[in-house]
Amino acid sequence: MDEYTHLDLDEIDFAPVEYHQERLPLLTLGEAHMLLRVLRTVTAEGGPVAAEADGLSKEIAARIPSAD
């Protein structure tokens, strides 16, 4: 599986989620750029999911306008 199978999800404090708010079906441009930055950071740091992060970052970058 993955390196997180040892985690007990009942012992992790998750950020509260307000379920009564409607979510947009797509990411906003700002959210897409934020996700791209996170994926590029994961790629740069290496590790077991770096290859997947690299592939996803390239796919997202090809689909959104540049932040510059």
Protein backbone atom coordinates (compact mmCIF):
# COMPACT_ATOMS: atom_id res chain seq x y z
CA MET A 1 0.00 0.00 0.00
CA ASP A 2 1.47 3.33 1.06
CA GLU A 3 3.56 4.67 3.92
CA TYR A 4 0.49 5.97 5.75
CA THR A 5 -1.18 2.66 6.55
CA HIS A 6 0.11 2.85 10.14
CA LEU A 7 -1.84 6.04 10.86
CA ASP A 8 -4.99 5.83 12.95
CA LEU A 9 -7.41 8.29 11.38
CA ASP A 10 -9.42 8.48 14.61
CA GLU A 11 -6.41 10.03 16.34
CA ILE A 12 -5.76 12.76 13.77
CA ASP A 13 -7.25 16.22 14.23
CA PHE A 14 -8.71 17.31 10.92
CA ALA A 15 -9.67 20.86 10.06
CA PRO A 16 -13.40 21.39 10.55
CA VAL A 17 -15.44 21.29 7.36
CA GLU A 18 -18.67 23.16 7.00
CA TYR A 19 -20.89 20.86 4.98
CA HIS A 20 -23.65 23.39 4.46
CA GLN A 21 -21.51 25.41 2.07
CA GLU A 22 -21.89 24.61 -1.59
CA ARG A 23 -18.62 23.84 -3.37
CA LEU A 24 -17.80 24.84 -6.90
CA PRO A 25 -17.59 21.86 -9.28
CA LEU A 26 -14.21 23.10 -10.55
CA LEU A 27 -11.16 24.66 -8.94
CA THR A 28 -10.83 28.40 -9.15
CA LEU A 29 -7.77 29.69 -10.97
CA GLY A 30 -6.20 30.66 -7.65
CA GLU A 31 -6.83 27.19 -6.21
CA ALA A 32 -5.32 25.59 -9.31
CA HIS A 33 -2.17 27.71 -8.96
CA MET A 34 -1.94 26.85 -5.26
CA LEU A 35 -2.28 23.14 -6.04
CA LEU A 36 0.38 23.47 -8.74
CA ARG A 37 2.80 25.02 -6.22
CA VAL A 38 2.17 22.19 -3.76
CA LEU A 39 2.71 19.53 -6.42
CA ARG A 40 5.93 21.19 -7.58
CA THR A 41 7.17 21.29 -3.98
CA VAL A 42 6.44 17.59 -3.55
CA THR A 43 8.27 16.88 -6.80
CA ALA A 44 11.31 18.91 -5.73
CA GLU A 45 11.51 17.23 -2.33
CA GLY A 46 11.45 13.76 -3.87
CA GLY A 47 10.02 10.76 -2.13
CA PRO A 48 7.65 7.97 -3.03
CA VAL A 49 5.01 10.18 -4.71
CA ALA A 50 7.35 12.62 -6.49
CA ALA A 51 6.81 11.01 -9.89
CA GLU A 52 3.02 11.21 -9.58
CA ALA A 53 3.24 14.81 -8.35
CA ASP A 54 5.45 15.69 -11.32
CA GLY A 55 3.00 14.17 -13.78
CA LEU A 56 0.01 15.90 -12.20
CA SER A 57 1.80 19.25 -12.05
CA LYS A 58 2.56 19.04 -15.77
CA GLU A 59 -1.06 18.18 -16.57
CA ILE A 60 -2.41 21.06 -14.48
CA ALA A 61 0.16 23.52 -15.84
CA ALA A 62 -0.88 22.64 -19.39
CA ARG A 63 -4.54 23.33 -18.59
CA ILE A 64 -4.42 26.66 -16.74
CA PRO A 65 -3.21 30.12 -17.71
CA SER A 66 0.16 31.23 -16.34
CA ALA A 67 0.20 33.06 -13.01
CA ASP A 68 2.68 35.60 -14.40
